[in-house]
Protein backbone atom coordinates (compact mmCIF):
# COMPACT_ATOMS: atom_id res chain seq x y z
CA MET A 1 65.62 76.17 104.19
CA PRO A 2 62.68 75.89 102.53
CA ALA A 3 59.54 76.83 105.04
CA ASP A 4 58.43 72.74 104.76
CA LYS A 5 62.06 71.95 105.82
CA VAL A 6 61.64 74.66 108.53
CA ALA A 7 58.44 72.69 110.03
CA GLU A 8 60.16 69.23 109.66
CA TYR A 9 63.21 69.54 111.36
CA ALA A 10 63.53 73.38 112.98
CA ASP A 11 63.00 71.95 116.84
CA GLY A 12 65.05 69.24 116.28
CA LEU A 13 68.15 70.96 115.71
CA CYS A 14 67.97 72.88 118.91
CA TYR A 15 69.56 75.92 117.58
CA THR A 16 67.19 78.63 120.35
CA ASP A 17 68.01 76.30 123.02
CA LEU A 18 71.63 76.31 122.60
CA MET A 19 71.88 79.71 123.58
CA ALA A 20 69.31 79.72 126.07
CA GLY A 21 71.90 77.69 127.93
CA TYR A 22 74.70 79.93 127.42
CA TYR A 23 72.97 83.36 128.46
CA LEU A 24 71.49 82.42 131.23
CA GLY A 25 69.85 85.96 133.27
CA ALA A 26 69.71 87.82 130.22
CA PRO A 27 66.37 89.72 129.43
CA ASP A 28 63.93 88.24 127.22
CA GLU A 29 64.38 90.59 124.27
CA VAL A 30 67.96 90.17 124.32
CA LEU A 31 68.04 86.54 124.48
CA GLN A 32 65.63 86.13 121.75
CA ALA A 33 67.38 88.39 119.30
CA ILE A 34 70.30 86.06 120.43
CA ALA A 35 68.78 83.19 119.53
CA ASP A 36 67.09 84.28 116.30
CA TYR A 37 70.63 85.76 115.63
CA SER A 38 72.36 81.97 116.40
CA ALA A 39 69.89 80.29 114.08
CA TRP A 40 70.68 82.83 111.37
CA PHE A 41 74.24 81.95 111.74
CA PHE A 42 73.64 77.97 111.36
CA VAL A 43 71.73 78.55 108.12
CA TRP A 44 74.41 80.79 106.85
CA ASP A 45 76.66 78.23 107.13
CA ASP A 46 74.75 76.03 105.35
CA ARG A 47 74.31 78.56 102.59
CA HIS A 48 77.78 79.07 102.31
CA ASP A 49 79.04 75.19 102.29
CA ARG A 50 76.00 74.80 99.61
CA ASP A 51 77.55 77.94 97.74
CA ILE A 52 81.06 75.77 97.66
CA VAL A 53 79.47 72.30 96.97
CA HIS A 54 77.56 73.13 93.64
CA ARG A 55 80.20 75.84 92.59
CA ARG A 56 78.38 79.20 92.96
CA PRO A 57 81.89 81.35 93.77
CA ALA A 58 79.55 84.73 92.13
CA ALA A 59 76.52 84.21 94.75
CA TRP A 60 78.91 83.23 97.67
CA ARG A 61 80.60 86.96 96.48
CA ARG A 62 77.65 88.62 96.20
CA LEU A 63 76.58 87.66 99.37
CA ARG A 64 79.64 88.24 100.90
CA PHE A 65 79.63 92.02 100.23
CA GLN A 66 76.10 92.21 100.82
CA LEU A 67 76.69 91.19 104.42
CA HIS A 68 78.99 93.38 105.09
CA ALA A 69 77.11 96.54 103.90
CA ALA A 70 74.41 95.07 106.17
CA LEU A 71 76.89 94.90 109.12
CA GLU A 72 77.36 98.71 108.51
CA SER A 73 73.69 99.87 107.73
CA PRO A 74 71.43 97.18 108.95
CA ARG A 75 68.40 99.30 108.25
CA THR A 76 68.49 99.96 104.99
CA HIS A 77 69.01 96.43 104.42
CA LEU A 78 65.65 94.84 106.17
CA TYR A 79 63.78 94.27 103.89
CA HIS A 80 66.56 93.09 100.98
CA GLU A 81 65.15 90.79 97.72
CA ASP A 82 67.56 87.91 99.92
CA PRO A 83 65.71 86.78 103.10
CA LEU A 84 69.06 85.85 104.50
CA VAL A 85 70.20 89.01 104.18
CA ALA A 86 67.24 90.49 105.24
CA GLY A 87 67.27 88.17 108.44
CA PHE A 88 70.49 89.32 109.25
CA ALA A 89 69.90 92.97 109.49
CA ASP A 90 66.99 92.35 111.19
CA SER A 91 69.08 90.66 113.96
CA VAL A 92 72.07 93.10 113.69
CA THR A 93 69.67 95.67 114.19
CA ARG A 94 68.21 94.49 117.21
CA LEU A 95 71.65 93.63 118.75
CA TYR A 96 72.28 97.10 118.22
CA SER A 97 69.63 98.90 120.46
CA PHE A 98 70.62 97.21 123.82
CA LEU A 99 74.19 98.75 124.23
CA SER A 100 76.59 101.79 122.92
CA GLN A 101 77.44 102.96 119.92
CA SER A 102 81.06 101.73 120.77
CA TRP A 103 80.04 98.15 121.28
CA ASN A 104 77.84 97.90 118.12
CA GLN A 105 81.54 99.11 116.23
CA ARG A 106 83.49 96.08 117.82
CA PHE A 107 80.71 93.90 116.96
CA ALA A 108 80.81 94.80 114.02
CA ARG A 109 84.54 94.61 113.54
CA HIS A 110 84.36 91.46 114.60
CA PHE A 111 82.00 90.21 112.81
CA HIS A 112 83.60 91.51 109.70
CA GLN A 113 86.61 89.20 110.37
CA VAL A 114 84.39 86.25 110.54
CA ILE A 115 82.94 87.07 106.64
CA ASP A 116 86.51 87.29 105.89
CA ALA A 117 87.40 84.26 107.43
CA TYR A 118 84.43 82.53 105.73
CA ASP A 119 85.85 83.64 102.24
CA ARG A 120 89.23 81.98 103.14
CA GLU A 121 87.29 78.63 104.19
CA PHE A 122 85.29 79.21 100.71
CA ARG A 123 88.67 79.44 98.61
CA ASN A 124 90.32 76.57 100.63
CA ARG A 125 87.71 74.39 100.07
CA THR A 126 87.48 75.23 96.59
CA GLU A 127 91.05 74.42 95.89
CA GLY A 128 91.16 71.75 97.93
CA VAL A 129 93.99 73.12 100.49
CA ILE A 130 94.13 71.82 103.99
CA PRO A 131 95.27 74.45 106.74
CA THR A 132 98.12 73.09 108.78
CA VAL A 133 97.04 72.78 112.37
CA GLU A 134 98.15 76.19 113.41
CA GLU A 135 97.04 77.81 110.58
CA TYR A 136 93.28 75.89 111.33
CA LEU A 137 93.35 77.02 115.12
CA ALA A 138 93.58 80.87 113.90
CA LEU A 139 91.48 80.62 111.35
CA ARG A 140 89.00 78.51 113.24
CA ARG A 141 88.93 81.41 116.14
CA LEU A 142 87.15 83.56 113.62
CA THR A 143 84.66 81.03 111.91
CA PHE A 144 83.70 79.88 114.97
CA ALA A 145 83.05 83.42 115.65
CA HIS A 146 84.77 82.94 119.30
CA TRP A 147 84.82 86.94 120.19
CA ILE A 148 81.22 87.27 118.75
CA TRP A 149 79.72 85.12 121.25
CA THR A 150 81.95 86.53 124.06
CA ASP A 151 80.66 90.42 122.88
CA LEU A 152 77.18 89.28 123.71
CA LEU A 153 77.27 88.15 127.15
CA GLU A 154 77.86 92.13 127.85
CA PRO A 155 74.08 92.82 126.56
CA SER A 156 73.05 89.68 128.53
CA ALA A 157 74.35 91.22 131.57
CA GLY A 158 72.83 94.35 131.17
CA LEU A 159 76.16 96.07 130.97
CA GLU A 160 79.13 97.23 128.40
CA LEU A 161 82.19 96.20 129.75
CA PRO A 162 85.04 98.85 129.57
CA ASN A 163 88.51 97.47 128.03
CA SER A 164 90.36 97.73 130.75
CA VAL A 165 87.73 94.58 132.29
CA ARG A 166 87.22 92.84 128.68
CA LYS A 167 90.65 92.64 128.06
CA HIS A 168 92.19 91.56 131.75
CA SER A 169 94.10 88.39 131.60
CA ALA A 170 92.09 85.97 133.19
CA TYR A 171 88.88 87.34 131.65
CA GLN A 172 90.05 86.25 128.14
CA ARG A 173 91.87 83.22 129.06
CA ALA A 174 88.56 82.01 130.28
CA ALA A 175 86.12 83.25 127.63
CA LEU A 176 89.13 81.54 124.91
CA LEU A 177 88.80 78.49 126.78
CA SER A 178 85.09 78.16 126.76
CA GLN A 179 85.14 78.86 122.84
CA GLU A 180 88.16 76.33 122.15
CA PHE A 181 86.32 73.43 123.85
CA ALA A 182 83.18 74.80 121.81
CA ALA A 183 85.12 74.93 118.56
CA TRP A 184 86.98 71.79 119.33
CA TYR A 185 84.19 69.84 120.57
CA ASN A 186 82.30 70.67 117.55
CA ASP A 187 85.08 69.47 115.63
CA LEU A 188 85.19 65.92 117.04
CA CYS A 189 81.45 65.33 116.35
CA SER A 190 81.27 66.87 113.06
CA LEU A 191 84.29 65.09 111.93
CA PRO A 192 82.10 62.10 110.32
CA LYS A 193 80.23 64.19 108.65
CA GLU A 194 83.41 66.35 107.13
CA ILE A 195 85.29 63.49 106.00
CA ALA A 196 82.16 62.43 104.86
CA GLY A 197 81.85 65.82 102.91
CA ASP A 198 85.34 65.84 101.60
CA GLU A 199 85.62 69.06 104.00
CA VAL A 200 89.00 70.53 104.84
CA HIS A 201 88.29 72.81 107.82
CA ASN A 202 88.29 70.16 110.85
CA LEU A 203 90.97 70.07 113.69
CA GLY A 204 91.07 66.29 112.93
CA ILE A 205 91.21 66.54 109.01
CA SER A 206 94.31 68.89 109.90
CA LEU A 207 96.02 65.93 112.28
CA ILE A 208 95.71 63.41 110.17
CA LYS A 209 97.13 65.32 106.95
CA HIS A 210 99.99 67.18 108.39
CA GLU A 211 100.72 65.61 111.56
CA GLY A 212 100.71 62.16 109.56
CA LEU A 213 98.10 60.61 112.70
CA THR A 214 95.33 57.82 112.10
CA LEU A 215 91.74 58.85 112.42
CA GLU A 216 91.85 56.59 115.24
CA GLU A 217 94.78 59.07 116.70
CA ALA A 218 93.50 62.38 115.52
CA VAL A 219 90.21 61.37 117.67
CA ALA A 220 92.25 60.63 120.57
CA ASP A 221 94.11 64.04 120.53
CA MET A 222 90.65 66.47 119.92
CA ARG A 223 89.68 64.82 122.95
CA ARG A 224 92.77 65.77 125.05
CA ARG A 225 92.83 69.16 123.58
CA VAL A 226 89.14 69.45 124.84
CA GLU A 227 89.87 67.83 128.31
CA ARG A 228 92.52 70.31 128.09
CA CYS A 229 89.99 73.18 128.12
CA VAL A 230 87.87 72.00 130.94
CA GLU A 231 90.50 71.75 133.32
CA GLU A 232 92.38 75.04 132.45
CA PHE A 233 89.03 76.76 132.71
CA LEU A 234 88.18 75.55 136.11
CA VAL A 235 91.74 77.30 137.14
CA VAL A 236 91.50 80.50 135.31
CA GLU A 237 87.97 80.53 136.24
CA GLN A 238 88.60 81.57 140.27
CA ASP A 239 91.30 83.97 138.90
CA ALA A 240 88.74 85.73 137.12
CA LEU A 241 85.97 85.43 139.88
CA ARG A 242 88.12 86.92 142.20
CA PHE A 243 88.71 89.59 139.60
CA SER A 244 85.58 90.06 139.41
CA ASP A 245 85.48 90.98 143.74
CA ASP A 246 88.34 92.86 143.21
CA LEU A 247 86.26 95.52 141.05
CA ALA A 248 83.53 95.76 143.96
CA ASP A 249 85.60 98.66 145.54
CA GLY A 250 82.34 100.30 147.42
CA THR A 251 81.38 102.56 144.48
CA VAL A 252 77.84 102.16 142.86
CA ARG A 253 80.30 101.80 139.28
CA GLY A 254 82.37 98.61 140.84
CA LYS A 255 79.38 96.81 142.26
CA GLU A 256 78.08 97.21 138.77
CA LEU A 257 80.91 95.97 137.11
CA SER A 258 81.75 93.22 139.44
CA ALA A 259 78.15 91.63 139.26
CA ALA A 260 78.28 92.14 135.56
CA VAL A 261 81.57 90.18 134.82
CA ARG A 262 80.59 87.35 137.52
CA ALA A 263 77.37 87.17 135.25
CA CYS A 264 79.53 87.09 132.16
CA VAL A 265 82.52 84.49 134.03
CA ARG A 266 79.47 81.86 134.76
CA ASN A 267 77.81 82.00 131.65
CA MET A 268 81.05 81.02 130.25
CA ARG A 269 81.13 77.80 132.14
CA ASN A 270 77.54 77.32 131.13
CA TRP A 271 79.00 77.29 127.15
CA PHE A 272 80.57 73.77 127.88
CA SER A 273 77.76 71.85 129.62
CA THR A 274 75.30 73.46 126.93
CA VAL A 275 77.44 72.36 123.97
CA TYR A 276 78.61 68.90 125.02
CA TRP A 277 74.38 68.73 125.18
CA PHE A 278 73.48 70.23 122.08
CA HIS A 279 76.09 68.13 120.23
CA HIS A 280 74.11 65.15 121.30
CA GLU A 281 70.67 66.41 121.10
CA SER A 282 71.08 68.35 117.86
CA GLY A 283 69.77 66.54 114.54
CA ARG A 284 72.64 68.95 113.21
CA TYR A 285 74.90 65.91 114.11
CA ARG A 286 72.95 62.57 113.73
CA VAL A 287 74.85 62.06 110.95
CA ASP A 288 74.04 58.34 111.05
CA SER A 289 70.53 58.64 110.55
CA TRP A 290 70.61 60.82 107.22
CA ASP A 291 70.45 59.17 103.62
CA ASP A 292 73.12 60.95 102.28
CA ARG A 293 76.15 61.13 105.57
CA SER A 294 77.63 64.59 103.21
CA THR A 295 74.21 65.93 103.23
CA PRO A 296 72.07 67.47 105.95
CA PRO A 297 68.12 66.51 105.07
CA TYR A 298 67.40 70.29 106.39
CA VAL A 299 68.68 71.66 103.51
CA ASN A 300 68.16 72.99 100.47
CA ASN A 301 70.65 70.80 97.98
CA GLU A 302 69.41 71.64 94.62
CA ALA A 303 72.00 72.44 92.30
CA ALA A 304 70.79 76.02 91.28
CA GLY A 305 72.64 77.64 88.95
CA GLU A 306 74.43 81.34 89.29
CA LYS A 307 71.96 83.98 89.69
């Protein structure tokens, strides 16, 4: 986004508002770091899209390698010539300052997977490959960064959760449902924009292509899926909260873990209302007001050559 477009559109895109509604109770410096990282993520997503639209595979390949490197050594990339790489390095440096090295390594492992998934998207789109529904759902968990947003619940709660807690079935299921809702609701709201832009990555597009549904049937199917996420979450949320109560075993550590898990689960619930609000308030999805429904007005759409 050029500076003039930032000034004109940034507030209306509501990127930071989305994070403020999800990570309630986070210390200010944690919330600011997450909000900046989220804004960076949206800009990265737009760069990825424009590299595809303008057929810049070398530029995308270079960026992919640079992000992998910055994830492992963010401080050495703080002054990188590409502002997108430098901004990523700044966000990661700040996020790495809150918890332990083991959390940092987990975050890095999860985001390496996200970068690689974006590369699969790049190849699918340039080759016109529409994944099957099951292939798409698996890929979407990575491109939407399900486990990144779940990881960030921990610095927001002020405590790194041990594996035995994070991998508890109720905690994991609640986290997954909150993210599946967000990803699929995003697909529902993005469908007009992505059909107009000849996208291949959208649950609705996969349903139409591989399940033989009409557009109206695909939209109805997607709505049922997001509704089921809400219904199932309301059940598993209670299991996760009971698990948090069980962690309070009379020790100081147990009390801390119990409070942290409860805070994380409550913020999983917040993801539903915040995502719903965001998709109806952010200018990112108001395609009817765009001159070209396939091209957001806030991106630099110059068909620049490879550099």
